[in-house]
Amino acid sequence: MSDNLSRLDRLRIVREWQAYQLGRTDRTIAELEERDAAAARAARVLPPPAPTWKLSVLRASSGAQADAVHTGDCGMSGKRTQAMTREQALRALTEGGITACPYCRPDRELGVL
C-alpha cells in the first residue's frame, strides 16, 4: 500500500506523526511544570509556629492529669503536651494550682512570682 503513495504523501504522513508527537511532548512538559510549581508552592508554606506556652500532661489510670506549665521551647516538657495561650498559662499558674517548670521558669516570663 505504501508503494502507491507519492513521496509528497509520505512526507505529509511523517509531518502529521511528528506534529502528534510534538503535541504529546508539549502536554508532558506542561504537566511537569505544573507539578514543579505545585511543589514549590507547597514548600513555601511555613509550618505553624511553635506554641509559646505548653502544659505537660501526666498519663494516669483515671485519665490525663496536668503536671506543669512550660515555655514553648522547654525540653523538659515531655511528649504529652498541650499548647496554651498566655492567658491560659497565667490562669493555670495563678488559679489552677498547676506548678511552673523549675527549669524553664515560665512564671518568671509571665510575671507571676
PDB file of N, CA and C in Angstrom:
ATOM      1  N   MET A   1       0.813  -1.182   0.000  1.00  0.00           N
ATOM      2  CA  MET A   1       0.000   0.000   0.000  1.00  0.00           C
ATOM      3  C   MET A   1       0.863   1.255   0.000  1.00  0.00           C
ATOM      4  N   SER A   2       1.969   1.223   0.766  1.00  0.00           N
ATOM      5  CA  SER A   2       2.837   2.384   0.796  1.00  0.00           C
ATOM      6  C   SER A   2       3.558   2.581  -0.532  1.00  0.00           C
ATOM      7  N   ASP A   3       3.583   1.536  -1.364  1.00  0.00           N
ATOM      8  CA  ASP A   3       4.212   1.678  -2.685  1.00  0.00           C
ATOM      9  C   ASP A   3       3.392   2.590  -3.582  1.00  0.00           C
ATOM     10  N   ASN A   4       2.114   2.723  -3.310  1.00  0.00           N
ATOM     11  CA  ASN A   4       1.229   3.541  -4.143  1.00  0.00           C
ATOM     12  C   ASN A   4       1.259   5.010  -3.741  1.00  0.00           C
ATOM     13  N   LEU A   5       1.853   5.339  -2.599  1.00  0.00           N
ATOM     14  CA  LEU A   5       1.889   6.717  -2.134  1.00  0.00           C
ATOM     15  C   LEU A   5       3.044   7.473  -2.779  1.00  0.00           C
ATOM     16  N   SER A   6       2.776   8.709  -3.085  1.00  0.00           N
ATOM     17  CA  SER A   6       3.847   9.533  -3.645  1.00  0.00           C
ATOM     18  C   SER A   6       4.776   9.973  -2.513  1.00  0.00           C
ATOM     19  N   ARG A   7       5.901  10.484  -2.899  1.00  0.00           N
ATOM     20  CA  ARG A   7       6.860  10.946  -1.913  1.00  0.00           C
ATOM     21  C   ARG A   7       6.270  12.088  -1.098  1.00  0.00           C
ATOM     22  N   LEU A   8       5.508  12.958  -1.740  1.00  0.00           N
ATOM     23  CA  LEU A   8       4.866  14.070  -1.059  1.00  0.00           C
ATOM     24  C   LEU A   8       3.865  13.575  -0.020  1.00  0.00           C
ATOM     25  N   ASP A   9       3.071  12.558  -0.352  1.00  0.00           N
ATOM     26  CA  ASP A   9       2.116  11.990   0.597  1.00  0.00           C
ATOM     27  C   ASP A   9       2.834  11.375   1.803  1.00  0.00           C
ATOM     28  N   ARG A  10       3.928  10.701   1.560  1.00  0.00           N
ATOM     29  CA  ARG A  10       4.696  10.101   2.654  1.00  0.00           C
ATOM     30  C   ARG A  10       5.242  11.176   3.591  1.00  0.00           C
ATOM     31  N   LEU A  11       5.741  12.262   3.011  1.00  0.00           N
ATOM     32  CA  LEU A  11       6.262  13.351   3.836  1.00  0.00           C
ATOM     33  C   LEU A  11       5.145  13.990   4.662  1.00  0.00           C
ATOM     34  N   ARG A  12       3.946  14.088   4.078  1.00  0.00           N
ATOM     35  CA  ARG A  12       2.821  14.645   4.835  1.00  0.00           C
ATOM     36  C   ARG A  12       2.438  13.729   6.004  1.00  0.00           C
ATOM     37  N   ILE A  13       2.512  12.438   5.814  1.00  0.00           N
ATOM     38  CA  ILE A  13       2.213  11.483   6.890  1.00  0.00           C
ATOM     39  C   ILE A  13       3.259  11.605   8.001  1.00  0.00           C
ATOM     40  N   VAL A  14       4.530  11.697   7.621  1.00  0.00           N
ATOM     41  CA  VAL A  14       5.600  11.850   8.605  1.00  0.00           C
ATOM     42  C   VAL A  14       5.419  13.155   9.381  1.00  0.00           C
ATOM     43  N   ARG A  15       5.069  14.228   8.647  1.00  0.00           N
ATOM     44  CA  ARG A  15       4.855  15.514   9.309  1.00  0.00           C
ATOM     45  C   ARG A  15       3.686  15.429  10.284  1.00  0.00           C
ATOM     46  N   GLU A  16       2.621  14.771   9.946  1.00  0.00           N
ATOM     47  CA  GLU A  16       1.467  14.612  10.833  1.00  0.00           C
ATOM     48  C   GLU A  16       1.849  13.824  12.084  1.00  0.00           C
ATOM     49  N   TRP A  17       2.632  12.771  11.923  1.00  0.00           N
ATOM     50  CA  TRP A  17       3.087  11.977  13.064  1.00  0.00           C
ATOM     51  C   TRP A  17       3.986  12.818  13.969  1.00  0.00           C
ATOM     52  N   GLN A  18       4.886  13.605  13.361  1.00  0.00           N
ATOM     53  CA  GLN A  18       5.771  14.452  14.161  1.00  0.00           C
ATOM     54  C   GLN A  18       4.975  15.530  14.914  1.00  0.00           C
ATOM     55  N   ALA A  19       3.939  16.088  14.283  1.00  0.00           N
ATOM     56  CA  ALA A  19       3.105  17.089  14.973  1.00  0.00           C
ATOM     57  C   ALA A  19       2.392  16.437  16.157  1.00  0.00           C
ATOM     58  N   TYR A  20       1.922  15.200  15.979  1.00  0.00           N
ATOM     59  CA  TYR A  20       1.279  14.468  17.075  1.00  0.00           C
ATOM     60  C   TYR A  20       2.263  14.261  18.221  1.00  0.00           C
ATOM     61  N   GLN A  21       3.473  13.830  17.919  1.00  0.00           N
ATOM     62  CA  GLN A  21       4.497  13.608  18.949  1.00  0.00           C
ATOM     63  C   GLN A  21       4.873  14.915  19.633  1.00  0.00           C
ATOM     64  N   LEU A  22       4.962  16.009  18.882  1.00  0.00           N
ATOM     65  CA  LEU A  22       5.284  17.305  19.462  1.00  0.00           C
ATOM     66  C   LEU A  22       4.184  17.748  20.424  1.00  0.00           C
ATOM     67  N   GLY A  23       2.941  17.510  20.084  1.00  0.00           N
ATOM     68  CA  GLY A  23       1.826  17.831  20.970  1.00  0.00           C
ATOM     69  C   GLY A  23       1.897  17.039  22.262  1.00  0.00           C
ATOM     70  N   ARG A  24       2.215  15.742  22.158  1.00  0.00           N
ATOM     71  CA  ARG A  24       2.365  14.917  23.359  1.00  0.00           C
ATOM     72  C   ARG A  24       3.491  15.435  24.234  1.00  0.00           C
ATOM     73  N   THR A  25       4.597  15.794  23.613  1.00  0.00           N
ATOM     74  CA  THR A  25       5.742  16.313  24.352  1.00  0.00           C
ATOM     75  C   THR A  25       5.376  17.622  25.053  1.00  0.00           C
ATOM     76  N   ASP A  26       4.673  18.514  24.341  1.00  0.00           N
ATOM     77  CA  ASP A  26       4.259  19.782  24.943  1.00  0.00           C
ATOM     78  C   ASP A  26       3.328  19.557  26.128  1.00  0.00           C
ATOM     79  N   ARG A  27       2.395  18.609  26.027  1.00  0.00           N
ATOM     80  CA  ARG A  27       1.487  18.326  27.137  1.00  0.00           C
ATOM     81  C   ARG A  27       2.240  17.759  28.332  1.00  0.00           C
ATOM     82  N   THR A  28       3.207  16.888  28.090  1.00  0.00           N
ATOM     83  CA  THR A  28       4.007  16.318  29.180  1.00  0.00           C
ATOM     84  C   THR A  28       4.825  17.399  29.866  1.00  0.00           C
ATOM     85  N   ILE A  29       5.406  18.304  29.086  1.00  0.00           N
ATOM     86  CA  ILE A  29       6.173  19.407  29.665  1.00  0.00           C
ATOM     87  C   ILE A  29       5.268  20.272  30.530  1.00  0.00           C
ATOM     88  N   ALA A  30       4.066  20.583  30.042  1.00  0.00           N
ATOM     89  CA  ALA A  30       3.130  21.414  30.807  1.00  0.00           C
ATOM     90  C   ALA A  30       2.740  20.729  32.122  1.00  0.00           C
ATOM     91  N   GLU A  31       2.491  19.422  32.092  1.00  0.00           N
ATOM     92  CA  GLU A  31       2.147  18.678  33.313  1.00  0.00           C
ATOM     93  C   GLU A  31       3.295  18.722  34.320  1.00  0.00           C
ATOM     94  N   LEU A  32       4.519  18.504  33.839  1.00  0.00           N
ATOM     95  CA  LEU A  32       5.674  18.515  34.745  1.00  0.00           C
ATOM     96  C   LEU A  32       5.927  19.909  35.310  1.00  0.00           C
ATOM     97  N   GLU A  33       5.734  20.945  34.500  1.00  0.00           N
ATOM     98  CA  GLU A  33       5.896  22.305  35.007  1.00  0.00           C
ATOM     99  C   GLU A  33       4.856  22.611  36.077  1.00  0.00           C
ATOM    100  N   GLU A  34       3.618  22.140  35.890  1.00  0.00           N
ATOM    101  CA  GLU A  34       2.572  22.355  36.888  1.00  0.00           C
ATOM    102  C   GLU A  34       2.906  21.621  38.187  1.00  0.00           C
ATOM    103  N   ARG A  35       3.407  20.391  38.086  1.00  0.00           N
ATOM    104  CA  ARG A  35       3.813  19.643  39.286  1.00  0.00           C
ATOM    105  C   ARG A  35       4.923  20.370  40.026  1.00  0.00           C
ATOM    106  N   ASP A  36       5.920  20.866  39.271  1.00  0.00           N
ATOM    107  CA  ASP A  36       7.026  21.588  39.901  1.00  0.00           C
ATOM    108  C   ASP A  36       6.526  22.863  40.579  1.00  0.00           C
ATOM    109  N   ALA A  37       5.599  23.571  39.925  1.00  0.00           N
ATOM    110  CA  ALA A  37       5.056  24.794  40.514  1.00  0.00           C
ATOM    111  C   ALA A  37       4.264  24.474  41.777  1.00  0.00           C
ATOM    112  N   ALA A  38       3.491  23.384  41.757  1.00  0.00           N
ATOM    113  CA  ALA A  38       2.724  22.994  42.946  1.00  0.00           C
ATOM    114  C   ALA A  38       3.663  22.611  44.087  1.00  0.00           C
ATOM    115  N   ALA A  39       4.739  21.909  43.771  1.00  0.00           N
ATOM    116  CA  ALA A  39       5.713  21.534  44.803  1.00  0.00           C
ATOM    117  C   ALA A  39       6.392  22.774  45.377  1.00  0.00           C
ATOM    118  N   ALA A  40       6.682  23.756  44.522  1.00  0.00           N
ATOM    119  CA  ALA A  40       7.307  24.990  45.009  1.00  0.00           C
ATOM    120  C   ALA A  40       6.340  25.760  45.898  1.00  0.00           C
ATOM    121  N   ARG A  41       5.044  25.782  45.530  1.00  0.00           N
ATOM    122  CA  ARG A  41       4.054  26.465  46.369  1.00  0.00           C
ATOM    123  C   ARG A  41       3.923  25.758  47.714  1.00  0.00           C
ATOM    124  N   ALA A  42       3.922  24.437  47.700  1.00  0.00           N
ATOM    125  CA  ALA A  42       3.803  23.678  48.948  1.00  0.00           C
ATOM    126  C   ALA A  42       5.030  23.890  49.831  1.00  0.00           C
ATOM    127  N   ALA A  43       6.192  24.030  49.232  1.00  0.00           N
ATOM    128  CA  ALA A  43       7.412  24.229  50.006  1.00  0.00           C
ATOM    129  C   ALA A  43       7.428  25.605  50.667  1.00  0.00           C
ATOM    130  N   ARG A  44       6.709  26.588  50.074  1.00  0.00           N
ATOM    131  CA  ARG A  44       6.680  27.930  50.631  1.00  0.00           C
ATOM    132  C   ARG A  44       5.786  28.047  51.850  1.00  0.00           C
ATOM    133  N   VAL A  45       4.907  27.100  52.065  1.00  0.00           N
ATOM    134  CA  VAL A  45       4.005  27.150  53.208  1.00  0.00           C
ATOM    135  C   VAL A  45       4.814  26.850  54.467  1.00  0.00           C
ATOM    136  N   LEU A  46       4.809  27.782  55.368  1.00  0.00           N
ATOM    137  CA  LEU A  46       5.582  27.627  56.602  1.00  0.00           C
ATOM    138  C   LEU A  46       4.805  26.770  57.596  1.00  0.00           C
ATOM    139  N   PRO A  47       5.499  25.999  58.383  1.00  0.00           N
ATOM    140  CA  PRO A  47       4.810  25.228  59.414  1.00  0.00           C
ATOM    141  C   PRO A  47       4.247  26.179  60.466  1.00  0.00           C
ATOM    142  N   PRO A  48       3.240  25.750  61.183  1.00  0.00           N
ATOM    143  CA  PRO A  48       2.688  26.629  62.212  1.00  0.00           C
ATOM    144  C   PRO A  48       3.750  26.930  63.272  1.00  0.00           C
ATOM    145  N   PRO A  49       3.679  28.104  63.859  1.00  0.00           N
ATOM    146  CA  PRO A  49       4.689  28.448  64.867  1.00  0.00           C
ATOM    147  C   PRO A  49       4.558  27.550  66.090  1.00  0.00           C
ATOM    148  N   ALA A  50       5.675  27.362  66.735  1.00  0.00           N
ATOM    149  CA  ALA A  50       5.677  26.553  67.965  1.00  0.00           C
ATOM    150  C   ALA A  50       4.879  27.297  69.029  1.00  0.00           C
ATOM    151  N   PRO A  51       4.190  26.565  69.886  1.00  0.00           N
ATOM    152  CA  PRO A  51       3.416  27.251  70.925  1.00  0.00           C
ATOM    153  C   PRO A  51       4.342  28.005  71.872  1.00  0.00           C
ATOM    154  N   THR A  52       3.855  29.122  72.361  1.00  0.00           N
ATOM    155  CA  THR A  52       4.642  29.929  73.289  1.00  0.00           C
ATOM    156  C   THR A  52       4.624  29.315  74.681  1.00  0.00           C
ATOM    157  N   TRP A  53       3.511  28.662  75.002  1.00  0.00           N
ATOM    158  CA  TRP A  53       3.355  28.051  76.326  1.00  0.00           C
ATOM    159  C   TRP A  53       2.795  26.648  76.149  1.00  0.00           C
ATOM    160  N   LYS A  54       3.233  25.732  77.000  1.00  0.00           N
ATOM    161  CA  LYS A  54       2.767  24.346  76.925  1.00  0.00           C
ATOM    162  C   LYS A  54       2.384  23.857  78.316  1.00  0.00           C
ATOM    163  N   LEU A  55       1.445  22.943  78.323  1.00  0.00           N
ATOM    164  CA  LEU A  55       1.041  22.279  79.560  1.00  0.00           C
ATOM    165  C   LEU A  55       1.417  20.817  79.418  1.00  0.00           C
ATOM    166  N   SER A  56       2.306  20.340  80.283  1.00  0.00           N
ATOM    167  CA  SER A  56       2.655  18.919  80.236  1.00  0.00           C
ATOM    168  C   SER A  56       1.580  18.134  80.985  1.00  0.00           C
ATOM    169  N   VAL A  57       1.275  16.966  80.434  1.00  0.00           N
ATOM    170  CA  VAL A  57       0.195  16.140  80.968  1.00  0.00           C
ATOM    171  C   VAL A  57       0.766  14.793  81.375  1.00  0.00           C
ATOM    172  N   LEU A  58       0.422  14.349  82.558  1.00  0.00           N
ATOM    173  CA  LEU A  58       0.834  13.033  83.044  1.00  0.00           C
ATOM    174  C   LEU A  58      -0.219  12.016  82.645  1.00  0.00           C
ATOM    175  N   ARG A  59       0.218  10.846  82.299  1.00  0.00           N
ATOM    176  CA  ARG A  59      -0.722   9.767  81.999  1.00  0.00           C
ATOM    177  C   ARG A  59      -1.052   9.075  83.312  1.00  0.00           C
ATOM    178  N   ALA A  60      -2.319   9.045  83.622  1.00  0.00           N
ATOM    179  CA  ALA A  60      -2.768   8.393  84.854  1.00  0.00           C
ATOM    180  C   ALA A  60      -3.852   7.383  84.508  1.00  0.00           C
ATOM    181  N   SER A  61      -4.089   6.442  85.416  1.00  0.00           N
ATOM    182  CA  SER A  61      -5.101   5.408  85.145  1.00  0.00           C
ATOM    183  C   SER A  61      -6.497   6.000  85.072  1.00  0.00           C
ATOM    184  N   SER A  62      -6.736   7.104  85.759  1.00  0.00           N
ATOM    185  CA  SER A  62      -8.064   7.717  85.746  1.00  0.00           C
ATOM    186  C   SER A  62      -8.175   8.807  84.680  1.00  0.00           C
ATOM    187  N   GLY A  63      -7.192   8.956  83.821  1.00  0.00           N
ATOM    188  CA  GLY A  63      -7.218   9.968  82.770  1.00  0.00           C
ATOM    189  C   GLY A  63      -5.990  10.850  82.831  1.00  0.00           C
ATOM    190  N   ALA A  64      -5.973  11.867  81.989  1.00  0.00           N
ATOM    191  CA  ALA A  64      -4.833  12.771  81.933  1.00  0.00           C
ATOM    192  C   ALA A  64      -4.891  13.756  83.094  1.00  0.00           C
ATOM    193  N   GLN A  65      -3.731  14.051  83.644  1.00  0.00           N
ATOM    194  CA  GLN A  65      -3.633  14.973  84.768  1.00  0.00           C
ATOM    195  C   GLN A  65      -2.569  16.018  84.429  1.00  0.00           C
ATOM    196  N   ALA A  66      -2.917  17.303  84.592  1.00  0.00           N
ATOM    197  CA  ALA A  66      -1.978  18.379  84.296  1.00  0.00           C
ATOM    198  C   ALA A  66      -0.798  18.308  85.253  1.00  0.00           C
ATOM    199  N   ASP A  67       0.390  18.501  84.716  1.00  0.00           N
ATOM    200  CA  ASP A  67       1.600  18.399  85.527  1.00  0.00           C
ATOM    201  C   ASP A  67       2.222  19.769  85.773  1.00  0.00           C
ATOM    202  N   ALA A  68       2.625  20.455  84.703  1.00  0.00           N
ATOM    203  CA  ALA A  68       3.311  21.737  84.875  1.00  0.00           C
ATOM    204  C   ALA A  68       3.158  22.582  83.623  1.00  0.00           C
ATOM    205  N   VAL A  69       3.334  23.883  83.795  1.00  0.00           N
ATOM    206  CA  VAL A  69       3.331  24.826  82.682  1.00  0.00           C
ATOM    207  C   VAL A  69       4.782  25.023  82.251  1.00  0.00           C
ATOM    208  N   HIS A  70       5.004  25.053  80.926  1.00  0.00           N
ATOM    209  CA  HIS A  70       6.347  25.204  80.364  1.00  0.00           C
ATOM    210  C   HIS A  70       6.338  26.306  79.315  1.00  0.00           C
ATOM    211  N   THR A  71       7.518  26.848  79.038  1.00  0.00           N
ATOM    212  CA  THR A  71       7.645  27.724  77.879  1.00  0.00           C
ATOM    213  C   THR A  71       7.613  26.841  76.635  1.00  0.00           C
ATOM    214  N   GLY A  72       7.352  27.440  75.485  1.00  0.00           N
ATOM    215  CA  GLY A  72       7.200  26.662  74.261  1.00  0.00           C
ATOM    216  C   GLY A  72       8.440  25.907  73.839  1.00  0.00           C
ATOM    217  N   ASP A  73       9.620  26.373  74.223  1.00  0.00           N
ATOM    218  CA  ASP A  73      10.862  25.726  73.806  1.00  0.00           C
ATOM    219  C   ASP A  73      11.507  24.859  74.890  1.00  0.00           C
ATOM    220  N   CYS A  74      10.798  24.611  75.969  1.00  0.00           N
ATOM    221  CA  CYS A  74      11.357  23.819  77.066  1.00  0.00           C
ATOM    222  C   CYS A  74      11.506  22.357  76.653  1.00  0.00           C
ATOM    223  N   GLY A  75      12.675  21.816  76.857  1.00  0.00           N
ATOM    224  CA  GLY A  75      12.927  20.424  76.510  1.00  0.00           C
ATOM    225  C   GLY A  75      12.493  19.449  77.591  1.00  0.00           C
ATOM    226  N   MET A  76      12.131  19.955  78.739  1.00  0.00           N
ATOM    227  CA  MET A  76      11.734  19.094  79.852  1.00  0.00           C
ATOM    228  C   MET A  76      10.225  18.845  79.888  1.00  0.00           C
ATOM    229  N   SER A  77       9.500  19.341  78.908  1.00  0.00           N
ATOM    230  CA  SER A  77       8.040  19.220  78.943  1.00  0.00           C
ATOM    231  C   SER A  77       7.561  17.814  78.602  1.00  0.00           C
ATOM    232  N   GLY A  78       8.380  17.017  77.966  1.00  0.00           N
ATOM    233  CA  GLY A  78       7.988  15.653  77.615  1.00  0.00           C
ATOM    234  C   GLY A  78       7.211  15.611  76.305  1.00  0.00           C
ATOM    235  N   LYS A  79       6.677  14.432  76.008  1.00  0.00           N
ATOM    236  CA  LYS A  79       5.987  14.239  74.737  1.00  0.00           C
ATOM    237  C   LYS A  79       4.507  14.588  74.811  1.00  0.00           C
ATOM    238  N   ARG A  80       3.920  14.426  75.970  1.00  0.00           N
ATOM    239  CA  ARG A  80       2.481  14.673  76.119  1.00  0.00           C
ATOM    240  C   ARG A  80       2.263  16.112  76.585  1.00  0.00           C
ATOM    241  N   THR A  81       2.025  17.002  75.637  1.00  0.00           N
ATOM    242  CA  THR A  81       1.807  18.407  75.966  1.00  0.00           C
ATOM    243  C   THR A  81       0.597  18.942  75.224  1.00  0.00           C
ATOM    244  N   GLN A  82       0.109  20.051  75.708  1.00  0.00           N
ATOM    245  CA  GLN A  82      -0.984  20.779  75.062  1.00  0.00           C
ATOM    246  C   GLN A  82      -0.549  22.231  74.923  1.00  0.00           C
ATOM    247  N   ALA A  83      -0.813  22.816  73.761  1.00  0.00           N
ATOM    248  CA  ALA A  83      -0.480  24.217  73.546  1.00  0.00           C
ATOM    249  C   ALA A  83      -1.411  25.096  74.376  1.00  0.00           C
ATOM    250  N   MET A  84      -0.881  26.203  74.851  1.00  0.00           N
ATOM    251  CA  MET A  84      -1.665  27.130  75.670  1.00  0.00           C
ATOM    252  C   MET A  84      -1.425  28.553  75.194  1.00  0.00           C
ATOM    253  N   THR A  85      -2.408  29.398  75.399  1.00  0.00           N
ATOM    254  CA  THR A  85      -2.224  30.825  75.178  1.00  0.00           C
ATOM    255  C   THR A  85      -1.610  31.434  76.435  1.00  0.00           C
ATOM    256  N   ARG A  86      -1.204  32.669  76.347  1.00  0.00           N
ATOM    257  CA  ARG A  86      -0.623  33.356  77.501  1.00  0.00           C
ATOM    258  C   ARG A  86      -1.638  33.437  78.644  1.00  0.00           C
ATOM    259  N   GLU A  87      -2.880  33.739  78.280  1.00  0.00           N
ATOM    260  CA  GLU A  87      -3.924  33.862  79.301  1.00  0.00           C
ATOM    261  C   GLU A  87      -4.179  32.518  79.988  1.00  0.00           C
ATOM    262  N   GLN A  88      -4.199  31.459  79.223  1.00  0.00           N
ATOM    263  CA  GLN A  88      -4.415  30.127  79.805  1.00  0.00           C
ATOM    264  C   GLN A  88      -3.261  29.752  80.735  1.00  0.00           C
ATOM    265  N   ALA A  89      -2.042  30.082  80.323  1.00  0.00           N
ATOM    266  CA  ALA A  89      -0.881  29.777  81.169  1.00  0.00           C
ATOM    267  C   ALA A  89      -0.940  30.574  82.471  1.00  0.00           C
ATOM    268  N   LEU A  90      -1.308  31.852  82.384  1.00  0.00           N
ATOM    269  CA  LEU A  90      -1.438  32.669  83.591  1.00  0.00           C
ATOM    270  C   LEU A  90      -2.502  32.103  84.523  1.00  0.00           C
ATOM    271  N   ARG A  91      -3.646  31.740  83.944  1.00  0.00           N
ATOM    272  CA  ARG A  91      -4.732  31.191  84.747  1.00  0.00           C
ATOM    273  C   ARG A  91      -4.328  29.871  85.392  1.00  0.00           C
ATOM    274  N   ALA A  92      -3.613  29.027  84.649  1.00  0.00           N
ATOM    275  CA  ALA A  92      -3.194  27.736  85.191  1.00  0.00           C
ATOM    276  C   ALA A  92      -2.246  27.912  86.370  1.00  0.00           C
ATOM    277  N   LEU A  93      -1.358  28.889  86.271  1.00  0.00           N
ATOM    278  CA  LEU A  93      -0.395  29.111  87.348  1.00  0.00           C
ATOM    279  C   LEU A  93      -1.016  29.802  88.563  1.00  0.00           C
ATOM    280  N   THR A  94      -1.924  30.727  88.320  1.00  0.00           N
ATOM    281  CA  THR A  94      -2.472  31.502  89.435  1.00  0.00           C
ATOM    282  C   THR A  94      -3.726  30.883  90.028  1.00  0.00           C
ATOM    283  N   GLU A  95      -4.634  30.415  89.197  1.00  0.00           N
ATOM    284  CA  GLU A  95      -5.907  29.912  89.697  1.00  0.00           C
ATOM    285  C   GLU A  95      -6.004  28.389  89.656  1.00  0.00           C
ATOM    286  N   GLY A  96      -5.296  27.777  88.744  1.00  0.00           N
ATOM    287  CA  GLY A  96      -5.429  26.335  88.557  1.00  0.00           C
ATOM    288  C   GLY A  96      -4.582  25.498  89.494  1.00  0.00           C
ATOM    289  N   GLY A  97      -3.667  26.103  90.179  1.00  0.00           N
ATOM    290  CA  GLY A  97      -2.826  25.354  91.103  1.00  0.00           C
ATOM    291  C   GLY A  97      -1.804  24.469  90.407  1.00  0.00           C
ATOM    292  N   ILE A  98      -1.519  24.740  89.158  1.00  0.00           N
ATOM    293  CA  ILE A  98      -0.533  23.947  88.414  1.00  0.00           C
ATOM    294  C   ILE A  98       0.823  24.605  88.601  1.00  0.00           C
ATOM    295  N   THR A  99       1.836  23.799  88.808  1.00  0.00           N
ATOM    296  CA  THR A  99       3.169  24.329  89.080  1.00  0.00           C
ATOM    297  C   THR A  99       3.855  24.785  87.799  1.00  0.00           C
ATOM    298  N   ALA A 100       4.837  25.638  87.976  1.00  0.00           N
ATOM    299  CA  ALA A 100       5.680  26.089  86.875  1.00  0.00           C
ATOM    300  C   ALA A 100       6.886  25.158  86.783  1.00  0.00           C
ATOM    301  N   CYS A 101       7.334  24.916  85.585  1.00  0.00           N
ATOM    302  CA  CYS A 101       8.518  24.078  85.384  1.00  0.00           C
ATOM    303  C   CYS A 101       9.716  24.735  86.074  1.00  0.00           C
ATOM    304  N   PRO A 102      10.461  23.982  86.875  1.00  0.00           N
ATOM    305  CA  PRO A 102      11.602  24.590  87.577  1.00  0.00           C
ATOM    306  C   PRO A 102      12.796  24.854  86.656  1.00  0.00           C
ATOM    307  N   TYR A 103      12.772  24.331  85.424  1.00  0.00           N
ATOM    308  CA  TYR A 103      13.899  24.505  84.514  1.00  0.00           C
ATOM    309  C   TYR A 103      13.725  25.719  83.603  1.00  0.00           C
ATOM    310  N   CYS A 104      12.559  25.838  82.972  1.00  0.00           N
ATOM    311  CA  CYS A 104      12.354  26.950  82.035  1.00  0.00           C
ATOM    312  C   CYS A 104      11.722  28.170  82.702  1.00  0.00           C
ATOM    313  N   ARG A 105      11.152  28.000  83.885  1.00  0.00           N
ATOM    314  CA  ARG A 105      10.579  29.063  84.701  1.00  0.00           C
ATOM    315  C   ARG A 105       9.607  29.971  83.923  1.00  0.00           C
ATOM    316  N   PRO A 106       8.482  29.425  83.465  1.00  0.00           N
ATOM    317  CA  PRO A 106       7.513  30.252  82.751  1.00  0.00           C
ATOM    318  C   PRO A 106       6.876  31.304  83.637  1.00  0.00           C
ATOM    319  N   ASP A 107       6.864  31.068  84.945  1.00  0.00           N
ATOM    320  CA  ASP A 107       6.289  32.060  85.858  1.00  0.00           C
ATOM    321  C   ASP A 107       7.079  33.369  85.816  1.00  0.00           C
ATOM    322  N   ARG A 108       8.376  33.278  85.617  1.00  0.00           N
ATOM    323  CA  ARG A 108       9.213  34.464  85.542  1.00  0.00           C
ATOM    324  C   ARG A 108       8.872  35.264  84.278  1.00  0.00           C
ATOM    325  N   GLU A 109       8.723  34.567  83.154  1.00  0.00           N
ATOM    326  CA  GLU A 109       8.399  35.249  81.897  1.00  0.00           C
ATOM    327  C   GLU A 109       6.988  35.813  81.906  1.00  0.00           C
ATOM    328  N   LEU A 110       6.075  35.156  82.630  1.00  0.00           N
ATOM    329  CA  LEU A 110       4.697  35.624  82.702  1.00  0.00           C
ATOM    330  C   LEU A 110       4.490  36.697  83.771  1.00  0.00           C
ATOM    331  N   GLY A 111       5.495  36.917  84.592  1.00  0.00           N
ATOM    332  CA  GLY A 111       5.395  37.926  85.630  1.00  0.00           C
ATOM    333  C   GLY A 111       4.691  37.439  86.878  1.00  0.00           C
ATOM    334  N   VAL A 112       4.609  36.123  87.063  1.00  0.00           N
ATOM    335  CA  VAL A 112       3.993  35.529  88.248  1.00  0.00           C
ATOM    336  C   VAL A 112       5.107  35.034  89.151  1.00  0.00           C
ATOM    337  N   LEU A 113       5.179  35.547  90.348  1.00  0.00           N
ATOM    338  CA  LEU A 113       6.262  35.115  91.250  1.00  0.00           C
ATOM    339  C   LEU A 113       5.727  34.384  92.443  1.00  0.00           C
TER     340      LEU A 113
END
